[in-house]
Structure formats: C-alpha cells, structure tokens
C-alpha cells in the first residue's frame, strides 16, 4: 500500500506531518494537514483508489482541531 501511495517520494499537497505504527488491531496513522479539504482531496484522489484495489478493510477517520505543534 505504501508503494502504491508513494507518500515518501511524492507527498500529497497539504500534509505537514505523518506518523504511523502498528497497534494490536492493525495500524494507527496520525496526520497533520493544512486543512480538512486538503486531506479530503488526498483521500478521494489517491487513498480511495488504493484501498479499493487492495481489498483491505476501510479505515475509520477521526478529525479534531490542533491547538499547537512542537517539533524539537
């Protein structure tokens, strides 16, 4: 899936931070985007076609506003 999305070499417009790692039930991915609209564009144009072709489960998404970000 990561190869098909090509995020490392061709990051989607509007993504600022992406962290991902395994959990007991699959994977957790947290992304910081310029806007919800930027994510929705990525979701419809790149993510949805890859998910449909992969046959895996449809992920659930949660959204919340960000107050601040600290990167050291």
PDB file of N, CA and C in Angstrom:
ATOM      1  N   UNK A   1       0.809  -1.179   0.000  1.00  0.00           N
ATOM      2  CA  UNK A   1       0.000   0.000   0.000  1.00  0.00           C
ATOM      3  C   UNK A   1       0.864   1.260   0.000  1.00  0.00           C
ATOM      4  N   UNK A   2       1.920   1.277   0.810  1.00  0.00           N
ATOM      5  CA  UNK A   2       2.787   2.454   0.864  1.00  0.00           C
ATOM      6  C   UNK A   2       3.471   2.694  -0.482  1.00  0.00           C
ATOM      7  N   UNK A   3       3.850   1.624  -1.164  1.00  0.00           N
ATOM      8  CA  UNK A   3       4.434   1.788  -2.500  1.00  0.00           C
ATOM      9  C   UNK A   3       3.422   2.395  -3.452  1.00  0.00           C
ATOM     10  N   UNK A   4       2.199   1.928  -3.397  1.00  0.00           N
ATOM     11  CA  UNK A   4       1.172   2.435  -4.303  1.00  0.00           C
ATOM     12  C   UNK A   4       0.839   3.895  -4.015  1.00  0.00           C
ATOM     13  N   UNK A   5       0.832   4.286  -2.750  1.00  0.00           N
ATOM     14  CA  UNK A   5       0.545   5.679  -2.401  1.00  0.00           C
ATOM     15  C   UNK A   5       1.724   6.602  -2.694  1.00  0.00           C
ATOM     16  N   UNK A   6       2.950   6.069  -2.615  1.00  0.00           N
ATOM     17  CA  UNK A   6       4.168   6.818  -2.923  1.00  0.00           C
ATOM     18  C   UNK A   6       4.269   8.109  -2.104  1.00  0.00           C
ATOM     19  N   UNK A   7       3.886   8.046  -0.843  1.00  0.00           N
ATOM     20  CA  UNK A   7       3.879   9.226   0.013  1.00  0.00           C
ATOM     21  C   UNK A   7       5.289   9.746   0.277  1.00  0.00           C
ATOM     22  N   UNK A   8       6.250   8.850   0.472  1.00  0.00           N
ATOM     23  CA  UNK A   8       7.614   9.290   0.797  1.00  0.00           C
ATOM     24  C   UNK A   8       8.244  10.092  -0.344  1.00  0.00           C
ATOM     25  N   UNK A   9       8.025   9.671  -1.578  1.00  0.00           N
ATOM     26  CA  UNK A   9       8.638  10.354  -2.721  1.00  0.00           C
ATOM     27  C   UNK A   9       7.763  11.435  -3.337  1.00  0.00           C
ATOM     28  N   UNK A  10       6.464  11.345  -3.112  1.00  0.00           N
ATOM     29  CA  UNK A  10       5.519  12.305  -3.685  1.00  0.00           C
ATOM     30  C   UNK A  10       4.445  12.623  -2.643  1.00  0.00           C
ATOM     31  N   UNK A  11       4.825  13.387  -1.600  1.00  0.00           N
ATOM     32  CA  UNK A  11       3.848  13.663  -0.551  1.00  0.00           C
ATOM     33  C   UNK A  11       2.658  14.447  -1.090  1.00  0.00           C
ATOM     34  N   UNK A  12       1.479  14.154  -0.581  1.00  0.00           N
ATOM     35  CA  UNK A  12       0.299  14.869  -1.061  1.00  0.00           C
ATOM     36  C   UNK A  12       0.330  16.336  -0.628  1.00  0.00           C
ATOM     37  N   UNK A  13      -0.265  17.175  -1.428  1.00  0.00           N
ATOM     38  CA  UNK A  13      -0.342  18.596  -1.102  1.00  0.00           C
ATOM     39  C   UNK A  13      -1.096  18.778   0.208  1.00  0.00           C
ATOM     40  N   UNK A  14      -0.541  19.593   1.086  1.00  0.00           N
ATOM     41  CA  UNK A  14      -1.220  19.926   2.320  1.00  0.00           C
ATOM     42  C   UNK A  14      -0.855  19.091   3.530  1.00  0.00           C
ATOM     43  N   UNK A  15      -0.110  18.000   3.353  1.00  0.00           N
ATOM     44  CA  UNK A  15       0.277  17.199   4.515  1.00  0.00           C
ATOM     45  C   UNK A  15       1.529  17.826   5.130  1.00  0.00           C
ATOM     46  N   UNK A  16       1.522  17.984   6.453  1.00  0.00           N
ATOM     47  CA  UNK A  16       2.656  18.576   7.166  1.00  0.00           C
ATOM     48  C   UNK A  16       3.427  17.540   7.964  1.00  0.00           C
ATOM     49  N   UNK A  17       2.703  16.658   8.628  1.00  0.00           N
ATOM     50  CA  UNK A  17       3.320  15.632   9.470  1.00  0.00           C
ATOM     51  C   UNK A  17       2.518  14.353   9.306  1.00  0.00           C
ATOM     52  N   UNK A  18       3.226  13.227   9.251  1.00  0.00           N
ATOM     53  CA  UNK A  18       2.558  11.930   9.196  1.00  0.00           C
ATOM     54  C   UNK A  18       3.365  10.980  10.050  1.00  0.00           C
ATOM     55  N   UNK A  19       2.707  10.350  10.995  1.00  0.00           N
ATOM     56  CA  UNK A  19       3.344   9.327  11.818  1.00  0.00           C
ATOM     57  C   UNK A  19       2.475   8.085  11.751  1.00  0.00           C
ATOM     58  N   UNK A  20       3.103   6.923  11.748  1.00  0.00           N
ATOM     59  CA  UNK A  20       2.354   5.672  11.629  1.00  0.00           C
ATOM     60  C   UNK A  20       3.084   4.575  12.381  1.00  0.00           C
ATOM     61  N   UNK A  21       2.308   3.638  12.898  1.00  0.00           N
ATOM     62  CA  UNK A  21       2.906   2.495  13.565  1.00  0.00           C
ATOM     63  C   UNK A  21       1.871   1.423  13.841  1.00  0.00           C
ATOM     64  N   UNK A  22       2.347   0.212  14.088  1.00  0.00           N
ATOM     65  CA  UNK A  22       1.435  -0.905  14.325  1.00  0.00           C
ATOM     66  C   UNK A  22       0.765  -0.811  15.697  1.00  0.00           C
ATOM     67  N   UNK A  23      -0.454  -1.326  15.759  1.00  0.00           N
ATOM     68  CA  UNK A  23      -1.193  -1.460  17.017  1.00  0.00           C
ATOM     69  C   UNK A  23      -1.637  -2.907  17.136  1.00  0.00           C
ATOM     70  N   UNK A  24      -2.296  -3.241  18.221  1.00  0.00           N
ATOM     71  CA  UNK A  24      -2.784  -4.608  18.387  1.00  0.00           C
ATOM     72  C   UNK A  24      -3.831  -4.981  17.346  1.00  0.00           C
ATOM     73  N   UNK A  25      -4.533  -3.971  16.812  1.00  0.00           N
ATOM     74  CA  UNK A  25      -5.610  -4.259  15.865  1.00  0.00           C
ATOM     75  C   UNK A  25      -5.303  -3.839  14.432  1.00  0.00           C
ATOM     76  N   UNK A  26      -4.088  -3.437  14.154  1.00  0.00           N
ATOM     77  CA  UNK A  26      -3.738  -3.018  12.787  1.00  0.00           C
ATOM     78  C   UNK A  26      -2.702  -1.920  12.802  1.00  0.00           C
ATOM     79  N   UNK A  27      -3.039  -0.803  12.197  1.00  0.00           N
ATOM     80  CA  UNK A  27      -2.122   0.342  12.148  1.00  0.00           C
ATOM     81  C   UNK A  27      -2.835   1.597  12.601  1.00  0.00           C
ATOM     82  N   UNK A  28      -2.093   2.505  13.200  1.00  0.00           N
ATOM     83  CA  UNK A  28      -2.600   3.830  13.554  1.00  0.00           C
ATOM     84  C   UNK A  28      -1.769   4.836  12.776  1.00  0.00           C
ATOM     85  N   UNK A  29      -2.444   5.705  12.061  1.00  0.00           N
ATOM     86  CA  UNK A  29      -1.780   6.756  11.287  1.00  0.00           C
ATOM     87  C   UNK A  29      -2.358   8.084  11.738  1.00  0.00           C
ATOM     88  N   UNK A  30      -1.478   8.994  12.087  1.00  0.00           N
ATOM     89  CA  UNK A  30      -1.882  10.327  12.500  1.00  0.00           C
ATOM     90  C   UNK A  30      -1.234  11.312  11.536  1.00  0.00           C
ATOM     91  N   UNK A  31      -2.046  12.168  10.967  1.00  0.00           N
ATOM     92  CA  UNK A  31      -1.529  13.156  10.028  1.00  0.00           C
ATOM     93  C   UNK A  31      -1.942  14.558  10.422  1.00  0.00           C
ATOM     94  N   UNK A  32      -1.071  15.494  10.180  1.00  0.00           N
ATOM     95  CA  UNK A  32      -1.370  16.910  10.372  1.00  0.00           C
ATOM     96  C   UNK A  32      -1.439  17.538   8.993  1.00  0.00           C
ATOM     97  N   UNK A  33      -2.583  18.100   8.654  1.00  0.00           N
ATOM     98  CA  UNK A  33      -2.840  18.641   7.327  1.00  0.00           C
ATOM     99  C   UNK A  33      -3.101  20.140   7.400  1.00  0.00           C
ATOM    100  N   UNK A  34      -2.843  20.833   6.313  1.00  0.00           N
ATOM    101  CA  UNK A  34      -3.154  22.256   6.232  1.00  0.00           C
ATOM    102  C   UNK A  34      -4.644  22.512   6.450  1.00  0.00           C
ATOM    103  N   UNK A  35      -5.466  21.600   5.955  1.00  0.00           N
ATOM    104  CA  UNK A  35      -6.913  21.760   6.071  1.00  0.00           C
ATOM    105  C   UNK A  35      -7.583  20.405   5.886  1.00  0.00           C
ATOM    106  N   UNK A  36      -8.808  20.339   6.308  1.00  0.00           N
ATOM    107  CA  UNK A  36      -9.580  19.116   6.075  1.00  0.00           C
ATOM    108  C   UNK A  36      -9.801  18.916   4.580  1.00  0.00           C
ATOM    109  N   UNK A  37      -9.956  20.004   3.856  1.00  0.00           N
ATOM    110  CA  UNK A  37     -10.147  19.923   2.407  1.00  0.00           C
ATOM    111  C   UNK A  37      -8.935  19.288   1.727  1.00  0.00           C
ATOM    112  N   UNK A  38      -7.728  19.621   2.192  1.00  0.00           N
ATOM    113  CA  UNK A  38      -6.518  19.017   1.616  1.00  0.00           C
ATOM    114  C   UNK A  38      -6.524  17.506   1.843  1.00  0.00           C
ATOM    115  N   UNK A  39      -6.912  17.083   3.056  1.00  0.00           N
ATOM    116  CA  UNK A  39      -6.996  15.650   3.317  1.00  0.00           C
ATOM    117  C   UNK A  39      -8.062  14.992   2.447  1.00  0.00           C
ATOM    118  N   UNK A  40      -9.219  15.623   2.328  1.00  0.00           N
ATOM    119  CA  UNK A  40     -10.303  15.038   1.534  1.00  0.00           C
ATOM    120  C   UNK A  40      -9.891  14.872   0.071  1.00  0.00           C
ATOM    121  N   UNK A  41      -9.108  15.804  -0.452  1.00  0.00           N
ATOM    122  CA  UNK A  41      -8.595  15.666  -1.815  1.00  0.00           C
ATOM    123  C   UNK A  41      -7.682  14.449  -1.915  1.00  0.00           C
ATOM    124  N   UNK A  42      -6.756  14.311  -0.952  1.00  0.00           N
ATOM    125  CA  UNK A  42      -5.874  13.140  -0.919  1.00  0.00           C
ATOM    126  C   UNK A  42      -6.699  11.865  -0.806  1.00  0.00           C
ATOM    127  N   UNK A  43      -7.663  11.879   0.075  1.00  0.00           N
ATOM    128  CA  UNK A  43      -8.487  10.681   0.303  1.00  0.00           C
ATOM    129  C   UNK A  43      -9.221  10.253  -0.956  1.00  0.00           C
ATOM    130  N   UNK A  44      -9.812  11.201  -1.667  1.00  0.00           N
ATOM    131  CA  UNK A  44     -10.597  10.833  -2.849  1.00  0.00           C
ATOM    132  C   UNK A  44      -9.723  10.526  -4.067  1.00  0.00           C
ATOM    133  N   UNK A  45      -8.619  11.252  -4.233  1.00  0.00           N
ATOM    134  CA  UNK A  45      -7.811  11.093  -5.443  1.00  0.00           C
ATOM    135  C   UNK A  45      -6.740  10.012  -5.340  1.00  0.00           C
ATOM    136  N   UNK A  46      -6.206   9.769  -4.158  1.00  0.00           N
ATOM    137  CA  UNK A  46      -5.113   8.809  -4.027  1.00  0.00           C
ATOM    138  C   UNK A  46      -5.424   7.642  -3.100  1.00  0.00           C
ATOM    139  N   UNK A  47      -5.958   7.919  -1.930  1.00  0.00           N
ATOM    140  CA  UNK A  47      -6.157   6.859  -0.951  1.00  0.00           C
ATOM    141  C   UNK A  47      -7.288   5.907  -1.333  1.00  0.00           C
ATOM    142  N   UNK A  48      -8.434   6.439  -1.697  1.00  0.00           N
ATOM    143  CA  UNK A  48      -9.587   5.584  -2.024  1.00  0.00           C
ATOM    144  C   UNK A  48      -9.283   4.585  -3.142  1.00  0.00           C
ATOM    145  N   UNK A  49      -8.660   5.018  -4.249  1.00  0.00           N
ATOM    146  CA  UNK A  49      -8.358   4.027  -5.301  1.00  0.00           C
ATOM    147  C   UNK A  49      -7.416   2.918  -4.830  1.00  0.00           C
ATOM    148  N   UNK A  50      -6.440   3.250  -4.001  1.00  0.00           N
ATOM    149  CA  UNK A  50      -5.508   2.230  -3.498  1.00  0.00           C
ATOM    150  C   UNK A  50      -6.231   1.279  -2.557  1.00  0.00           C
ATOM    151  N   UNK A  51      -7.067   1.818  -1.676  1.00  0.00           N
ATOM    152  CA  UNK A  51      -7.826   0.959  -0.764  1.00  0.00           C
ATOM    153  C   UNK A  51      -8.763   0.036  -1.520  1.00  0.00           C
ATOM    154  N   UNK A  52      -9.422   0.535  -2.542  1.00  0.00           N
ATOM    155  CA  UNK A  52     -10.345  -0.287  -3.330  1.00  0.00           C
ATOM    156  C   UNK A  52      -9.602  -1.412  -4.030  1.00  0.00           C
ATOM    157  N   UNK A  53      -8.396  -1.135  -4.505  1.00  0.00           N
ATOM    158  CA  UNK A  53      -7.616  -2.155  -5.200  1.00  0.00           C
ATOM    159  C   UNK A  53      -6.968  -3.155  -4.267  1.00  0.00           C
ATOM    160  N   UNK A  54      -6.792  -2.778  -2.996  1.00  0.00           N
ATOM    161  CA  UNK A  54      -6.098  -3.645  -2.052  1.00  0.00           C
ATOM    162  C   UNK A  54      -6.968  -4.671  -1.375  1.00  0.00           C
ATOM    163  N   UNK A  55      -8.262  -4.456  -1.373  1.00  0.00           N
ATOM    164  CA  UNK A  55      -9.167  -5.421  -0.773  1.00  0.00           C
ATOM    165  C   UNK A  55      -9.158  -5.447   0.742  1.00  0.00           C
ATOM    166  N   UNK A  56      -8.470  -4.521   1.379  1.00  0.00           N
ATOM    167  CA  UNK A  56      -8.439  -4.493   2.838  1.00  0.00           C
ATOM    168  C   UNK A  56      -9.649  -3.771   3.408  1.00  0.00           C
ATOM    169  N   UNK A  57      -9.707  -3.714   4.721  1.00  0.00           N
ATOM    170  CA  UNK A  57     -10.832  -3.036   5.357  1.00  0.00           C
ATOM    171  C   UNK A  57     -10.774  -1.522   5.135  1.00  0.00           C
ATOM    172  N   UNK A  58     -11.926  -0.893   5.130  1.00  0.00           N
ATOM    173  CA  UNK A  58     -11.992   0.556   5.003  1.00  0.00           C
ATOM    174  C   UNK A  58     -11.640   1.175   6.345  1.00  0.00           C
ATOM    175  N   UNK A  59     -10.656   2.056   6.381  1.00  0.00           N
ATOM    176  CA  UNK A  59     -10.275   2.657   7.660  1.00  0.00           C
ATOM    177  C   UNK A  59     -11.323   3.638   8.152  1.00  0.00           C
ATOM    178  N   UNK A  60     -11.297   3.879   9.435  1.00  0.00           N
ATOM    179  CA  UNK A  60     -12.129   4.922  10.018  1.00  0.00           C
ATOM    180  C   UNK A  60     -11.255   6.151  10.229  1.00  0.00           C
ATOM    181  N   UNK A  61     -11.860   7.315  10.179  1.00  0.00           N
ATOM    182  CA  UNK A  61     -11.124   8.564  10.315  1.00  0.00           C
ATOM    183  C   UNK A  61     -11.717   9.380  11.450  1.00  0.00           C
ATOM    184  N   UNK A  62     -10.855  10.044  12.197  1.00  0.00           N
ATOM    185  CA  UNK A  62     -11.261  10.984  13.231  1.00  0.00           C
ATOM    186  C   UNK A  62     -10.594  12.311  12.914  1.00  0.00           C
ATOM    187  N   UNK A  63     -11.292  13.394  13.190  1.00  0.00           N
ATOM    188  CA  UNK A  63     -10.752  14.723  12.932  1.00  0.00           C
ATOM    189  C   UNK A  63     -10.913  15.566  14.188  1.00  0.00           C
ATOM    190  N   UNK A  64      -9.909  16.357  14.488  1.00  0.00           N
ATOM    191  CA  UNK A  64     -10.023  17.302  15.577  1.00  0.00           C
ATOM    192  C   UNK A  64      -9.095  18.480  15.317  1.00  0.00           C
ATOM    193  N   UNK A  65      -9.453  19.659  15.846  1.00  0.00           N
ATOM    194  CA  UNK A  65      -8.621  20.837  15.633  1.00  0.00           C
ATOM    195  C   UNK A  65      -7.323  20.724  16.438  1.00  0.00           C
ATOM    196  N   UNK A  66      -6.280  21.312  15.921  1.00  0.00           N
ATOM    197  CA  UNK A  66      -4.975  21.305  16.575  1.00  0.00           C
ATOM    198  C   UNK A  66      -4.726  22.685  17.173  1.00  0.00           C
ATOM    199  N   UNK A  67      -4.386  22.709  18.427  1.00  0.00           N
ATOM    200  CA  UNK A  67      -4.088  23.959  19.110  1.00  0.00           C
ATOM    201  C   UNK A  67      -2.644  24.399  18.849  1.00  0.00           C
ATOM    202  N   UNK A  68      -1.711  23.434  18.928  1.00  0.00           N
ATOM    203  CA  UNK A  68      -0.302  23.778  18.710  1.00  0.00           C
ATOM    204  C   UNK A  68       0.479  22.520  18.353  1.00  0.00           C
ATOM    205  N   UNK A  69       1.643  22.744  17.767  1.00  0.00           N
ATOM    206  CA  UNK A  69       2.562  21.658  17.403  1.00  0.00           C
ATOM    207  C   UNK A  69       3.955  22.065  17.850  1.00  0.00           C
ATOM    208  N   UNK A  70       4.631  21.158  18.535  1.00  0.00           N
ATOM    209  CA  UNK A  70       6.009  21.409  18.943  1.00  0.00           C
ATOM    210  C   UNK A  70       6.877  20.308  18.345  1.00  0.00           C
ATOM    211  N   UNK A  71       7.867  20.715  17.573  1.00  0.00           N
ATOM    212  CA  UNK A  71       8.807  19.768  16.979  1.00  0.00           C
ATOM    213  C   UNK A  71      10.199  20.160  17.442  1.00  0.00           C
ATOM    214  N   UNK A  72      10.914  19.217  17.993  1.00  0.00           N
ATOM    215  CA  UNK A  72      12.265  19.511  18.512  1.00  0.00           C
ATOM    216  C   UNK A  72      13.311  18.963  17.618  1.00  0.00           C
TER     217      UNK A  72
END
